[in-house]
Amino acid sequence: MKLHILMLAIPILLSSALAAMSKSSIGHNDGPWNSDHIDDLPTEVRQYIAGICRGPASAQHDFATYSPREKRWRINLEYLRCDGVGAFRRGNQCLDVDFVEVGSRFRPGAKQFRDCGF
């Protein structure tokens, strides 16, 4: 009886593992600089970035981090690449901008120059 159950369970486990592997490989072919890292952000954050860049932009994975506990997005402009971003750097310091959730929207919060990570 145990052998019968095991023989039924193995194909089920294998098929779910294969499905998970195929799903995990989708979308992981992006390079380190990708516009999707911006496109997936809330509207207010995307509009802020559009105001800085005034054209095509791409960002690295660490460009935006979200803290669910604080309901805050931190935007690290050192990981943003576009034509207008140079105005937001001072020597080895880059601007970090927080966007805090207020109701159903995000509003700019703290802005601080910090040492760039590059």
C-alpha atoms as a PDB file:
ATOM      1  CA  MET A   1       0.000   0.000   0.000  1.00  0.00           C
ATOM      2  CA  LYS A   2       2.819   2.399   0.910  1.00  0.00           C
ATOM      3  CA  LEU A   3       4.549   1.617  -2.373  1.00  0.00           C
ATOM      4  CA  HIS A   4       1.333   2.400  -4.265  1.00  0.00           C
ATOM      5  CA  ILE A   5       1.025   5.817  -2.568  1.00  0.00           C
ATOM      6  CA  LEU A   6       4.689   6.547  -3.221  1.00  0.00           C
ATOM      7  CA  MET A   7       4.319   5.637  -6.901  1.00  0.00           C
ATOM      8  CA  LEU A   8       1.408   8.108  -7.177  1.00  0.00           C
ATOM      9  CA  ALA A   9       3.187  10.874  -5.264  1.00  0.00           C
ATOM     10  CA  ILE A  10       6.442  10.881  -7.247  1.00  0.00           C
ATOM     11  CA  PRO A  11       4.946  12.040 -10.587  1.00  0.00           C
ATOM     12  CA  ILE A  12       2.937  14.741  -8.808  1.00  0.00           C
ATOM     13  CA  LEU A  13       6.010  16.044  -6.983  1.00  0.00           C
ATOM     14  CA  LEU A  14       8.102  15.973 -10.154  1.00  0.00           C
ATOM     15  CA  SER A  15       5.519  17.844 -12.209  1.00  0.00           C
ATOM     16  CA  SER A  16       5.140  20.584  -9.591  1.00  0.00           C
ATOM     17  CA  ALA A  17       8.917  20.941  -9.301  1.00  0.00           C
ATOM     18  CA  LEU A  18       9.269  21.248 -13.096  1.00  0.00           C
ATOM     19  CA  ALA A  19       6.518  23.864 -13.232  1.00  0.00           C
ATOM     20  CA  ALA A  20       8.201  25.881 -10.489  1.00  0.00           C
ATOM     21  CA  MET A  21      11.561  25.706 -12.268  1.00  0.00           C
ATOM     22  CA  SER A  22      10.105  26.868 -15.570  1.00  0.00           C
ATOM     23  CA  LYS A  23       8.306  29.802 -13.915  1.00  0.00           C
ATOM     24  CA  SER A  24      11.394  30.864 -11.996  1.00  0.00           C
ATOM     25  CA  SER A  25      13.449  31.149 -15.175  1.00  0.00           C
ATOM     26  CA  ILE A  26      10.993  33.582 -16.795  1.00  0.00           C
ATOM     27  CA  GLY A  27      12.081  37.189 -16.416  1.00  0.00           C
ATOM     28  CA  HIS A  28      15.507  36.489 -14.966  1.00  0.00           C
ATOM     29  CA  ASN A  29      17.273  37.175 -18.243  1.00  0.00           C
ATOM     30  CA  ASP A  30      17.427  40.920 -17.655  1.00  0.00           C
ATOM     31  CA  GLY A  31      20.757  42.646 -17.384  1.00  0.00           C
ATOM     32  CA  PRO A  32      21.876  44.731 -14.434  1.00  0.00           C
ATOM     33  CA  TRP A  33      20.498  47.927 -16.034  1.00  0.00           C
ATOM     34  CA  ASN A  34      16.813  47.573 -16.846  1.00  0.00           C
ATOM     35  CA  SER A  35      13.871  49.948 -17.264  1.00  0.00           C
ATOM     36  CA  ASP A  36      11.555  47.358 -15.660  1.00  0.00           C
ATOM     37  CA  HIS A  37      13.053  48.296 -12.296  1.00  0.00           C
ATOM     38  CA  ILE A  38      11.390  51.692 -12.782  1.00  0.00           C
ATOM     39  CA  ASP A  39       8.233  50.602 -14.603  1.00  0.00           C
ATOM     40  CA  ASP A  40       7.081  48.431 -11.690  1.00  0.00           C
ATOM     41  CA  LEU A  41       7.136  51.322  -9.166  1.00  0.00           C
ATOM     42  CA  PRO A  42       4.122  53.366  -7.995  1.00  0.00           C
ATOM     43  CA  THR A  43       2.970  56.149 -10.321  1.00  0.00           C
ATOM     44  CA  GLU A  44       4.240  58.981  -8.105  1.00  0.00           C
ATOM     45  CA  VAL A  45       7.744  57.508  -8.006  1.00  0.00           C
ATOM     46  CA  ARG A  46       7.791  56.967 -11.785  1.00  0.00           C
ATOM     47  CA  GLN A  47       6.698  60.585 -12.322  1.00  0.00           C
ATOM     48  CA  TYR A  48       9.500  61.820 -10.053  1.00  0.00           C
ATOM     49  CA  ILE A  49      12.054  59.784 -12.025  1.00  0.00           C
ATOM     50  CA  ALA A  50      10.621  61.061 -15.322  1.00  0.00           C
ATOM     51  CA  GLY A  51      11.144  64.628 -14.058  1.00  0.00           C
ATOM     52  CA  ILE A  52      14.787  63.882 -13.287  1.00  0.00           C
ATOM     53  CA  CYS A  53      15.573  61.996 -16.478  1.00  0.00           C
ATOM     54  CA  ARG A  54      13.541  63.761 -19.167  1.00  0.00           C
ATOM     55  CA  GLY A  55      14.100  60.752 -21.395  1.00  0.00           C
ATOM     56  CA  PRO A  56      14.845  57.015 -21.334  1.00  0.00           C
ATOM     57  CA  ALA A  57      16.063  55.651 -18.021  1.00  0.00           C
ATOM     58  CA  SER A  58      17.270  52.347 -16.642  1.00  0.00           C
ATOM     59  CA  ALA A  59      18.085  51.220 -13.132  1.00  0.00           C
ATOM     60  CA  GLN A  60      19.844  48.457 -11.272  1.00  0.00           C
ATOM     61  CA  HIS A  61      18.128  45.991  -8.938  1.00  0.00           C
ATOM     62  CA  ASP A  62      19.040  48.006  -5.812  1.00  0.00           C
ATOM     63  CA  PHE A  63      17.570  51.222  -7.219  1.00  0.00           C
ATOM     64  CA  ALA A  64      14.330  51.000  -5.240  1.00  0.00           C
ATOM     65  CA  THR A  65      13.669  49.213  -1.968  1.00  0.00           C
ATOM     66  CA  TYR A  66      10.367  48.950  -0.166  1.00  0.00           C
ATOM     67  CA  SER A  67       9.864  48.726   3.584  1.00  0.00           C
ATOM     68  CA  PRO A  68       6.389  47.283   4.248  1.00  0.00           C
ATOM     69  CA  ARG A  69       6.683  48.058   7.969  1.00  0.00           C
ATOM     70  CA  GLU A  70       7.297  51.752   7.241  1.00  0.00           C
ATOM     71  CA  LYS A  71       5.208  51.790   4.031  1.00  0.00           C
ATOM     72  CA  ARG A  72       8.121  53.566   2.397  1.00  0.00           C
ATOM     73  CA  TRP A  73       9.996  53.323  -0.900  1.00  0.00           C
ATOM     74  CA  ARG A  74      13.648  54.398  -0.806  1.00  0.00           C
ATOM     75  CA  ILE A  75      14.973  55.467  -4.184  1.00  0.00           C
ATOM     76  CA  ASN A  76      18.763  55.316  -4.507  1.00  0.00           C
ATOM     77  CA  LEU A  77      19.667  57.592  -7.406  1.00  0.00           C
ATOM     78  CA  GLU A  78      23.192  56.183  -7.615  1.00  0.00           C
ATOM     79  CA  TYR A  79      21.621  53.125  -9.248  1.00  0.00           C
ATOM     80  CA  LEU A  80      19.742  55.182 -11.849  1.00  0.00           C
ATOM     81  CA  ARG A  81      21.122  55.807 -15.323  1.00  0.00           C
ATOM     82  CA  CYS A  82      19.742  58.632 -17.472  1.00  0.00           C
ATOM     83  CA  ASP A  83      20.718  62.048 -18.844  1.00  0.00           C
ATOM     84  CA  GLY A  84      19.479  64.239 -15.967  1.00  0.00           C
ATOM     85  CA  VAL A  85      20.721  62.303 -12.958  1.00  0.00           C
ATOM     86  CA  GLY A  86      24.092  64.104 -12.746  1.00  0.00           C
ATOM     87  CA  ALA A  87      22.409  67.113 -11.130  1.00  0.00           C
ATOM     88  CA  PHE A  88      21.492  64.869  -8.184  1.00  0.00           C
ATOM     89  CA  ARG A  89      25.077  63.936  -7.356  1.00  0.00           C
ATOM     90  CA  ARG A  90      27.669  65.904  -5.413  1.00  0.00           C
ATOM     91  CA  GLY A  91      31.110  64.423  -5.808  1.00  0.00           C
ATOM     92  CA  ASN A  92      30.913  60.999  -4.172  1.00  0.00           C
ATOM     93  CA  GLN A  93      27.457  61.698  -2.706  1.00  0.00           C
ATOM     94  CA  CYS A  94      24.161  60.679  -4.309  1.00  0.00           C
ATOM     95  CA  LEU A  95      20.638  61.690  -3.405  1.00  0.00           C
ATOM     96  CA  ASP A  96      18.365  59.154  -1.743  1.00  0.00           C
ATOM     97  CA  VAL A  97      14.668  60.006  -1.800  1.00  0.00           C
ATOM     98  CA  ASP A  98      11.975  58.418   0.342  1.00  0.00           C
ATOM     99  CA  PHE A  99       8.370  58.098  -0.789  1.00  0.00           C
ATOM    100  CA  VAL A 100       5.933  57.479   2.044  1.00  0.00           C
ATOM    101  CA  GLU A 101       2.477  55.987   1.613  1.00  0.00           C
ATOM    102  CA  VAL A 102      -0.315  58.441   2.406  1.00  0.00           C
ATOM    103  CA  GLY A 103      -3.693  56.846   1.808  1.00  0.00           C
ATOM    104  CA  SER A 104      -3.494  55.156  -1.568  1.00  0.00           C
ATOM    105  CA  ARG A 105      -0.674  57.366  -2.884  1.00  0.00           C
ATOM    106  CA  PHE A 106       3.023  57.892  -2.239  1.00  0.00           C
ATOM    107  CA  ARG A 107       4.387  61.323  -1.349  1.00  0.00           C
ATOM    108  CA  PRO A 108       8.042  62.429  -1.329  1.00  0.00           C
ATOM    109  CA  GLY A 109       9.451  62.300   2.163  1.00  0.00           C
ATOM    110  CA  ALA A 110      13.029  62.633   3.336  1.00  0.00           C
ATOM    111  CA  LYS A 111      15.774  63.515   0.878  1.00  0.00           C
ATOM    112  CA  GLN A 112      19.376  63.044   1.888  1.00  0.00           C
ATOM    113  CA  PHE A 113      22.755  62.964   0.172  1.00  0.00           C
ATOM    114  CA  ARG A 114      24.683  59.839   1.138  1.00  0.00           C
ATOM    115  CA  ASP A 115      27.898  58.253  -0.033  1.00  0.00           C
ATOM    116  CA  CYS A 116      27.395  56.634  -3.423  1.00  0.00           C
ATOM    117  CA  GLY A 117      27.828  52.886  -3.666  1.00  0.00           C
ATOM    118  CA  PHE A 118      29.974  53.045  -6.817  1.00  0.00           C
END
